[in-house]
PDB file of N, CA and C in Angstrom:
ATOM      1  N   MET A   1      69.290 -58.967   2.397  1.00  0.00           N
ATOM      2  CA  MET A   1      68.151 -59.846   2.251  1.00  0.00           C
ATOM      3  C   MET A   1      67.990 -60.180   0.771  1.00  0.00           C
ATOM      4  N   SER A   2      68.030 -61.450   0.463  1.00  0.00           N
ATOM      5  CA  SER A   2      67.849 -61.855  -0.927  1.00  0.00           C
ATOM      6  C   SER A   2      66.356 -61.911  -1.243  1.00  0.00           C
ATOM      7  N   ARG A   3      66.047 -61.690  -2.492  1.00  0.00           N
ATOM      8  CA  ARG A   3      64.651 -61.704  -2.902  1.00  0.00           C
ATOM      9  C   ARG A   3      64.261 -63.112  -3.322  1.00  0.00           C
ATOM     10  N   VAL A   4      63.006 -63.404  -3.133  1.00  0.00           N
ATOM     11  CA  VAL A   4      62.445 -64.706  -3.454  1.00  0.00           C
ATOM     12  C   VAL A   4      61.543 -64.546  -4.670  1.00  0.00           C
ATOM     13  N   GLU A   5      61.596 -65.506  -5.584  1.00  0.00           N
ATOM     14  CA  GLU A   5      60.690 -65.487  -6.732  1.00  0.00           C
ATOM     15  C   GLU A   5      59.540 -66.439  -6.460  1.00  0.00           C
ATOM     16  N   ILE A   6      58.331 -65.966  -6.675  1.00  0.00           N
ATOM     17  CA  ILE A   6      57.144 -66.804  -6.501  1.00  0.00           C
ATOM     18  C   ILE A   6      57.014 -67.709  -7.725  1.00  0.00           C
ATOM     19  N   ILE A   7      56.827 -68.999  -7.463  1.00  0.00           N
ATOM     20  CA  ILE A   7      56.697 -69.954  -8.563  1.00  0.00           C
ATOM     21  C   ILE A   7      55.294 -70.556  -8.653  1.00  0.00           C
ATOM     22  N   GLU A   8      54.482 -70.368  -7.585  1.00  0.00           N
ATOM     23  CA  GLU A   8      53.136 -70.944  -7.598  1.00  0.00           C
ATOM     24  C   GLU A   8      52.221 -70.133  -6.692  1.00  0.00           C
ATOM     25  N   VAL A   9      51.035 -69.814  -7.195  1.00  0.00           N
ATOM     26  CA  VAL A   9      49.987 -69.232  -6.364  1.00  0.00           C
ATOM     27  C   VAL A   9      49.097 -70.395  -5.955  1.00  0.00           C
ATOM     28  N   ILE A  10      49.074 -70.693  -4.667  1.00  0.00           N
ATOM     29  CA  ILE A  10      48.322 -71.852  -4.184  1.00  0.00           C
ATOM     30  C   ILE A  10      46.842 -71.515  -4.048  1.00  0.00           C
ATOM     31  N   ARG A  11      46.548 -70.438  -3.317  1.00  0.00           N
ATOM     32  CA  ARG A  11      45.159 -69.999  -3.147  1.00  0.00           C
ATOM     33  C   ARG A  11      45.146 -68.676  -2.405  1.00  0.00           C
ATOM     34  N   ARG A  12      43.983 -68.080  -2.322  1.00  0.00           N
ATOM     35  CA  ARG A  12      43.810 -66.858  -1.538  1.00  0.00           C
ATOM     36  C   ARG A  12      43.631 -67.262  -0.070  1.00  0.00           C
ATOM     37  N   ALA A  13      44.212 -66.488   0.832  1.00  0.00           N
ATOM     38  CA  ALA A  13      44.079 -66.760   2.264  1.00  0.00           C
ATOM     39  C   ALA A  13      42.642 -66.494   2.713  1.00  0.00           C
ATOM     40  N   ASP A  14      42.190 -67.243   3.706  1.00  0.00           N
ATOM     41  CA  ASP A  14      40.836 -67.078   4.230  1.00  0.00           C
ATOM     42  C   ASP A  14      40.715 -65.850   5.127  1.00  0.00           C
ATOM     43  N   GLN A  15      41.831 -65.400   5.687  1.00  0.00           N
ATOM     44  CA  GLN A  15      41.813 -64.266   6.606  1.00  0.00           C
ATOM     45  C   GLN A  15      42.743 -63.175   6.102  1.00  0.00           C
ATOM     46  N   GLY A  16      42.532 -61.978   6.606  1.00  0.00           N
ATOM     47  CA  GLY A  16      43.412 -60.861   6.263  1.00  0.00           C
ATOM     48  C   GLY A  16      42.668 -59.759   5.544  1.00  0.00           C
ATOM     49  N   VAL A  17      42.817 -58.556   6.032  1.00  0.00           N
ATOM     50  CA  VAL A  17      42.140 -57.402   5.453  1.00  0.00           C
ATOM     51  C   VAL A  17      42.607 -57.142   4.028  1.00  0.00           C
ATOM     52  N   THR A  18      43.896 -57.377   3.756  1.00  0.00           N
ATOM     53  CA  THR A  18      44.441 -57.110   2.420  1.00  0.00           C
ATOM     54  C   THR A  18      44.223 -58.259   1.446  1.00  0.00           C
ATOM     55  N   ARG A  19      43.557 -59.313   1.893  1.00  0.00           N
ATOM     56  CA  ARG A  19      43.250 -60.474   1.053  1.00  0.00           C
ATOM     57  C   ARG A  19      44.506 -61.063   0.405  1.00  0.00           C
ATOM     58  N   PRO A  20      45.482 -61.476   1.225  1.00  0.00           N
ATOM     59  CA  PRO A  20      46.736 -61.998   0.670  1.00  0.00           C
ATOM     60  C   PRO A  20      46.553 -63.358  -0.005  1.00  0.00           C
ATOM     61  N   TYR A  21      47.569 -63.731  -0.752  1.00  0.00           N
ATOM     62  CA  TYR A  21      47.614 -65.031  -1.415  1.00  0.00           C
ATOM     63  C   TYR A  21      48.636 -65.909  -0.721  1.00  0.00           C
ATOM     64  N   ILE A  22      48.365 -67.191  -0.699  1.00  0.00           N
ATOM     65  CA  ILE A  22      49.331 -68.161  -0.195  1.00  0.00           C
ATOM     66  C   ILE A  22      50.087 -68.671  -1.412  1.00  0.00           C
ATOM     67  N   CYS A  23      51.408 -68.471  -1.399  1.00  0.00           N
ATOM     68  CA  CYS A  23      52.242 -68.768  -2.562  1.00  0.00           C
ATOM     69  C   CYS A  23      53.463 -69.583  -2.161  1.00  0.00           C
ATOM     70  N   ARG A  24      54.049 -70.251  -3.152  1.00  0.00           N
ATOM     71  CA  ARG A  24      55.297 -70.987  -2.936  1.00  0.00           C
ATOM     72  C   ARG A  24      56.426 -70.238  -3.636  1.00  0.00           C
ATOM     73  N   GLY A  25      57.531 -70.077  -2.899  1.00  0.00           N
ATOM     74  CA  GLY A  25      58.700 -69.410  -3.454  1.00  0.00           C
ATOM     75  C   GLY A  25      59.668 -70.402  -4.061  1.00  0.00           C
ATOM     76  N   ASN A  26      60.627 -69.884  -4.825  1.00  0.00           N
ATOM     77  CA  ASN A  26      61.621 -70.761  -5.448  1.00  0.00           C
ATOM     78  C   ASN A  26      62.576 -71.369  -4.429  1.00  0.00           C
ATOM     79  N   ASP A  27      62.470 -70.946  -3.171  1.00  0.00           N
ATOM     80  CA  ASP A  27      63.264 -71.549  -2.097  1.00  0.00           C
ATOM     81  C   ASP A  27      62.501 -72.671  -1.395  1.00  0.00           C
ATOM     82  N   GLY A  28      61.282 -72.980  -1.875  1.00  0.00           N
ATOM     83  CA  GLY A  28      60.479 -74.055  -1.311  1.00  0.00           C
ATOM     84  C   GLY A  28      59.594 -73.634  -0.152  1.00  0.00           C
ATOM     85  N   ASN A  29      59.749 -72.423   0.345  1.00  0.00           N
ATOM     86  CA  ASN A  29      58.945 -71.944   1.467  1.00  0.00           C
ATOM     87  C   ASN A  29      57.599 -71.407   0.997  1.00  0.00           C
ATOM     88  N   ILE A  30      56.648 -71.374   1.931  1.00  0.00           N
ATOM     89  CA  ILE A  30      55.320 -70.837   1.677  1.00  0.00           C
ATOM     90  C   ILE A  30      55.286 -69.396   2.184  1.00  0.00           C
ATOM     91  N   TYR A  31      54.683 -68.504   1.386  1.00  0.00           N
ATOM     92  CA  TYR A  31      54.615 -67.085   1.725  1.00  0.00           C
ATOM     93  C   TYR A  31      53.184 -66.587   1.618  1.00  0.00           C
ATOM     94  N   PHE A  32      52.817 -65.672   2.500  1.00  0.00           N
ATOM     95  CA  PHE A  32      51.581 -64.923   2.367  1.00  0.00           C
ATOM     96  C   PHE A  32      51.960 -63.652   1.618  1.00  0.00           C
ATOM     97  N   VAL A  33      51.448 -63.489   0.412  1.00  0.00           N
ATOM     98  CA  VAL A  33      51.842 -62.383  -0.460  1.00  0.00           C
ATOM     99  C   VAL A  33      50.665 -61.427  -0.612  1.00  0.00           C
ATOM    100  N   LYS A  34      50.923 -60.176  -0.301  1.00  0.00           N
ATOM    101  CA  LYS A  34      49.887 -59.157  -0.426  1.00  0.00           C
ATOM    102  C   LYS A  34      49.864 -58.645  -1.853  1.00  0.00           C
ATOM    103  N   GLY A  35      48.671 -58.450  -2.383  1.00  0.00           N
ATOM    104  CA  GLY A  35      48.520 -57.986  -3.756  1.00  0.00           C
ATOM    105  C   GLY A  35      47.827 -56.652  -3.816  1.00  0.00           C
ATOM    106  N   GLU A  36      46.813 -56.551  -4.657  1.00  0.00           N
ATOM    107  CA  GLU A  36      46.119 -55.290  -4.898  1.00  0.00           C
ATOM    108  C   GLU A  36      45.438 -54.723  -3.663  1.00  0.00           C
ATOM    109  N   GLY A  37      45.164 -55.553  -2.670  1.00  0.00           N
ATOM    110  CA  GLY A  37      44.482 -55.084  -1.466  1.00  0.00           C
ATOM    111  C   GLY A  37      45.342 -54.227  -0.565  1.00  0.00           C
ATOM    112  N   ALA A  38      46.638 -54.200  -0.802  1.00  0.00           N
ATOM    113  CA  ALA A  38      47.562 -53.417   0.026  1.00  0.00           C
ATOM    114  C   ALA A  38      48.152 -52.279  -0.804  1.00  0.00           C
ATOM    115  N   SER A  39      48.178 -51.100  -0.228  1.00  0.00           N
ATOM    116  CA  SER A  39      48.764 -49.959  -0.946  1.00  0.00           C
ATOM    117  C   SER A  39      50.286 -50.010  -0.852  1.00  0.00           C
ATOM    118  N   ARG A  40      50.937 -49.309  -1.749  1.00  0.00           N
ATOM    119  CA  ARG A  40      52.411 -49.231  -1.708  1.00  0.00           C
ATOM    120  C   ARG A  40      52.869 -48.654  -0.374  1.00  0.00           C
ATOM    121  N   ARG A  41      52.148 -47.645   0.106  1.00  0.00           N
ATOM    122  CA  ARG A  41      52.519 -47.012   1.371  1.00  0.00           C
ATOM    123  C   ARG A  41      52.455 -48.015   2.521  1.00  0.00           C
ATOM    124  N   SER A  42      51.385 -48.794   2.581  1.00  0.00           N
ATOM    125  CA  SER A  42      51.260 -49.758   3.678  1.00  0.00           C
ATOM    126  C   SER A  42      52.324 -50.846   3.583  1.00  0.00           C
ATOM    127  N   LEU A  43      52.661 -51.270   2.368  1.00  0.00           N
ATOM    128  CA  LEU A  43      53.720 -52.271   2.202  1.00  0.00           C
ATOM    129  C   LEU A  43      55.069 -51.713   2.640  1.00  0.00           C
ATOM    130  N   LEU A  44      55.345 -50.471   2.279  1.00  0.00           N
ATOM    131  CA  LEU A  44      56.594 -49.833   2.678  1.00  0.00           C
ATOM    132  C   LEU A  44      56.663 -49.674   4.197  1.00  0.00           C
ATOM    133  N   CYS A  45      55.578 -49.222   4.805  1.00  0.00           N
ATOM    134  CA  CYS A  45      55.544 -49.068   6.264  1.00  0.00           C
ATOM    135  C   CYS A  45      55.758 -50.411   6.961  1.00  0.00           C
ATOM    136  N   GLU A  46      55.157 -51.463   6.435  1.00  0.00           N
ATOM    137  CA  GLU A  46      55.316 -52.788   7.027  1.00  0.00           C
ATOM    138  C   GLU A  46      56.766 -53.273   6.920  1.00  0.00           C
ATOM    139  N   TRP A  47      57.406 -53.023   5.780  1.00  0.00           N
ATOM    140  CA  TRP A  47      58.801 -53.430   5.592  1.00  0.00           C
ATOM    141  C   TRP A  47      59.714 -52.662   6.546  1.00  0.00           C
ATOM    142  N   ILE A  48      59.493 -51.353   6.676  1.00  0.00           N
ATOM    143  CA  ILE A  48      60.302 -50.536   7.586  1.00  0.00           C
ATOM    144  C   ILE A  48      60.113 -51.008   9.025  1.00  0.00           C
ATOM    145  N   ALA A  49      58.877 -51.269   9.420  1.00  0.00           N
ATOM    146  CA  ALA A  49      58.616 -51.758  10.777  1.00  0.00           C
ATOM    147  C   ALA A  49      59.314 -53.092  11.017  1.00  0.00           C
ATOM    148  N   GLY A  50      59.304 -53.966  10.027  1.00  0.00           N
ATOM    149  CA  GLY A  50      59.987 -55.252  10.152  1.00  0.00           C
ATOM    150  C   GLY A  50      61.485 -55.088  10.321  1.00  0.00           C
ATOM    151  N   LYS A  51      62.074 -54.204   9.523  1.00  0.00           N
ATOM    152  CA  LYS A  51      63.521 -53.949   9.630  1.00  0.00           C
ATOM    153  C   LYS A  51      63.874 -53.352  10.989  1.00  0.00           C
ATOM    154  N   LEU A  52      63.052 -52.419  11.482  1.00  0.00           N
ATOM    155  CA  LEU A  52      63.292 -51.832  12.804  1.00  0.00           C
ATOM    156  C   LEU A  52      63.180 -52.890  13.902  1.00  0.00           C
ATOM    157  N   ALA A  53      62.213 -53.790  13.761  1.00  0.00           N
ATOM    158  CA  ALA A  53      62.064 -54.867  14.741  1.00  0.00           C
ATOM    159  C   ALA A  53      63.311 -55.744  14.766  1.00  0.00           C
ATOM    160  N   LEU A  54      63.839 -56.075  13.603  1.00  0.00           N
ATOM    161  CA  LEU A  54      65.057 -56.887  13.547  1.00  0.00           C
ATOM    162  C   LEU A  54      66.238 -56.164  14.186  1.00  0.00           C
ATOM    163  N   LEU A  55      66.364 -54.871  13.916  1.00  0.00           N
ATOM    164  CA  LEU A  55      67.479 -54.085  14.457  1.00  0.00           C
ATOM    165  C   LEU A  55      67.423 -53.953  15.974  1.00  0.00           C
ATOM    166  N   THR A  56      66.221 -53.979  16.526  1.00  0.00           N
ATOM    167  CA  THR A  56      66.062 -53.804  17.972  1.00  0.00           C
ATOM    168  C   THR A  56      65.747 -55.111  18.692  1.00  0.00           C
ATOM    169  N   ASN A  57      65.920 -56.227  17.986  1.00  0.00           N
ATOM    170  CA  ASN A  57      65.708 -57.570  18.554  1.00  0.00           C
ATOM    171  C   ASN A  57      64.290 -57.818  19.058  1.00  0.00           C
ATOM    172  N   VAL A  58      63.321 -57.187  18.439  1.00  0.00           N
ATOM    173  CA  VAL A  58      61.920 -57.454  18.751  1.00  0.00           C
ATOM    174  C   VAL A  58      61.514 -58.710  17.980  1.00  0.00           C
ATOM    175  N   PRO A  59      60.897 -59.686  18.653  1.00  0.00           N
ATOM    176  CA  PRO A  59      60.483 -60.905  17.941  1.00  0.00           C
ATOM    177  C   PRO A  59      59.492 -60.571  16.812  1.00  0.00           C
ATOM    178  N   ILE A  60      59.755 -61.136  15.658  1.00  0.00           N
ATOM    179  CA  ILE A  60      58.910 -60.888  14.489  1.00  0.00           C
ATOM    180  C   ILE A  60      58.966 -62.115  13.583  1.00  0.00           C
ATOM    181  N   ALA A  61      57.866 -62.385  12.912  1.00  0.00           N
ATOM    182  CA  ALA A  61      57.846 -63.501  11.963  1.00  0.00           C
ATOM    183  C   ALA A  61      58.782 -63.183  10.800  1.00  0.00           C
ATOM    184  N   PRO A  62      59.407 -64.205  10.213  1.00  0.00           N
ATOM    185  CA  PRO A  62      60.271 -63.963   9.049  1.00  0.00           C
ATOM    186  C   PRO A  62      59.478 -63.289   7.925  1.00  0.00           C
ATOM    187  N   PHE A  63      60.148 -62.408   7.187  1.00  0.00           N
ATOM    188  CA  PHE A  63      59.493 -61.721   6.074  1.00  0.00           C
ATOM    189  C   PHE A  63      60.493 -61.532   4.942  1.00  0.00           C
ATOM    190  N   ALA A  64      59.969 -61.311   3.748  1.00  0.00           N
ATOM    191  CA  ALA A  64      60.831 -61.130   2.579  1.00  0.00           C
ATOM    192  C   ALA A  64      60.089 -60.318   1.532  1.00  0.00           C
ATOM    193  N   ILE A  65      60.853 -59.698   0.659  1.00  0.00           N
ATOM    194  CA  ILE A  65      60.281 -59.073  -0.531  1.00  0.00           C
ATOM    195  C   ILE A  65      60.317 -60.133  -1.619  1.00  0.00           C
ATOM    196  N   VAL A  66      59.198 -60.323  -2.294  1.00  0.00           N
ATOM    197  CA  VAL A  66      59.136 -61.362  -3.319  1.00  0.00           C
ATOM    198  C   VAL A  66      58.909 -60.740  -4.690  1.00  0.00           C
ATOM    199  N   ASP A  67      59.355 -61.447  -5.696  1.00  0.00           N
ATOM    200  CA  ASP A  67      59.099 -61.078  -7.086  1.00  0.00           C
ATOM    201  C   ASP A  67      58.089 -62.063  -7.652  1.00  0.00           C
ATOM    202  N   VAL A  68      57.093 -61.536  -8.341  1.00  0.00           N
ATOM    203  CA  VAL A  68      56.119 -62.385  -9.019  1.00  0.00           C
ATOM    204  C   VAL A  68      56.355 -62.197 -10.513  1.00  0.00           C
ATOM    205  N   PRO A  69      56.795 -63.251 -11.215  1.00  0.00           N
ATOM    206  CA  PRO A  69      57.089 -63.127 -12.650  1.00  0.00           C
ATOM    207  C   PRO A  69      55.864 -62.683 -13.459  1.00  0.00           C
ATOM    208  N   GLU A  70      56.114 -61.891 -14.485  1.00  0.00           N
ATOM    209  CA  GLU A  70      55.040 -61.416 -15.366  1.00  0.00           C
ATOM    210  C   GLU A  70      54.225 -62.579 -15.930  1.00  0.00           C
ATOM    211  N   GLU A  71      54.895 -63.682 -16.255  1.00  0.00           N
ATOM    212  CA  GLU A  71      54.198 -64.842 -16.824  1.00  0.00           C
ATOM    213  C   GLU A  71      53.171 -65.395 -15.841  1.00  0.00           C
ATOM    214  N   LEU A  72      53.525 -65.424 -14.559  1.00  0.00           N
ATOM    215  CA  LEU A  72      52.606 -65.927 -13.539  1.00  0.00           C
ATOM    216  C   LEU A  72      51.442 -64.959 -13.360  1.00  0.00           C
ATOM    217  N   LEU A  73      51.716 -63.673 -13.422  1.00  0.00           N
ATOM    218  CA  LEU A  73      50.647 -62.677 -13.335  1.00  0.00           C
ATOM    219  C   LEU A  73      49.674 -62.828 -14.496  1.00  0.00           C
ATOM    220  N   ALA A  74      50.194 -63.015 -15.708  1.00  0.00           N
ATOM    221  CA  ALA A  74      49.344 -63.166 -16.891  1.00  0.00           C
ATOM    222  C   ALA A  74      48.513 -64.442 -16.799  1.00  0.00           C
ATOM    223  N   PHE A  75      49.131 -65.526 -16.330  1.00  0.00           N
ATOM    224  CA  PHE A  75      48.439 -66.808 -16.213  1.00  0.00           C
ATOM    225  C   PHE A  75      47.351 -66.743 -15.152  1.00  0.00           C
ATOM    226  N   SER A  76      47.581 -65.952 -14.098  1.00  0.00           N
ATOM    227  CA  SER A  76      46.662 -65.867 -12.968  1.00  0.00           C
ATOM    228  C   SER A  76      45.788 -64.622 -13.034  1.00  0.00           C
ATOM    229  N   ALA A  77      45.507 -64.119 -14.210  1.00  0.00           N
ATOM    230  CA  ALA A  77      44.789 -62.850 -14.376  1.00  0.00           C
ATOM    231  C   ALA A  77      43.459 -62.821 -13.636  1.00  0.00           C
ATOM    232  N   GLY A  78      42.756 -63.920 -13.570  1.00  0.00           N
ATOM    233  CA  GLY A  78      41.472 -63.965 -12.887  1.00  0.00           C
ATOM    234  C   GLY A  78      41.575 -63.903 -11.377  1.00  0.00           C
ATOM    235  N   LEU A  79      42.782 -64.005 -10.846  1.00  0.00           N
ATOM    236  CA  LEU A  79      42.969 -63.990  -9.393  1.00  0.00           C
ATOM    237  C   LEU A  79      43.253 -62.594  -8.855  1.00  0.00           C
ATOM    238  N   ASP A  80      43.162 -61.569  -9.648  1.00  0.00           N
ATOM    239  CA  ASP A  80      43.456 -60.169  -9.314  1.00  0.00           C
ATOM    240  C   ASP A  80      44.723 -59.997  -8.487  1.00  0.00           C
ATOM    241  N   LEU A  81      45.821 -60.551  -9.010  1.00  0.00           N
ATOM    242  CA  LEU A  81      47.115 -60.391  -8.358  1.00  0.00           C
ATOM    243  C   LEU A  81      47.598 -58.994  -8.611  1.00  0.00           C
TER     244      LEU A  81
END
């Protein structure tokens, strides 16, 4: 699985317990990106569950690990990324 770099934070999602952000990746796709609202443990568990679903042919929405550049984090400091 190749990693995607986030190039734009569009806005915060209206729904979701972890308060994700809607972002655009360098591949042109839109991603819901979890930030400070999600713990490392929950992110790891979600990734493992996704991989297990793929291995067992359970239908699952596409997912990816994304990189958010330091420059974008600094520019978006008020958005608590």
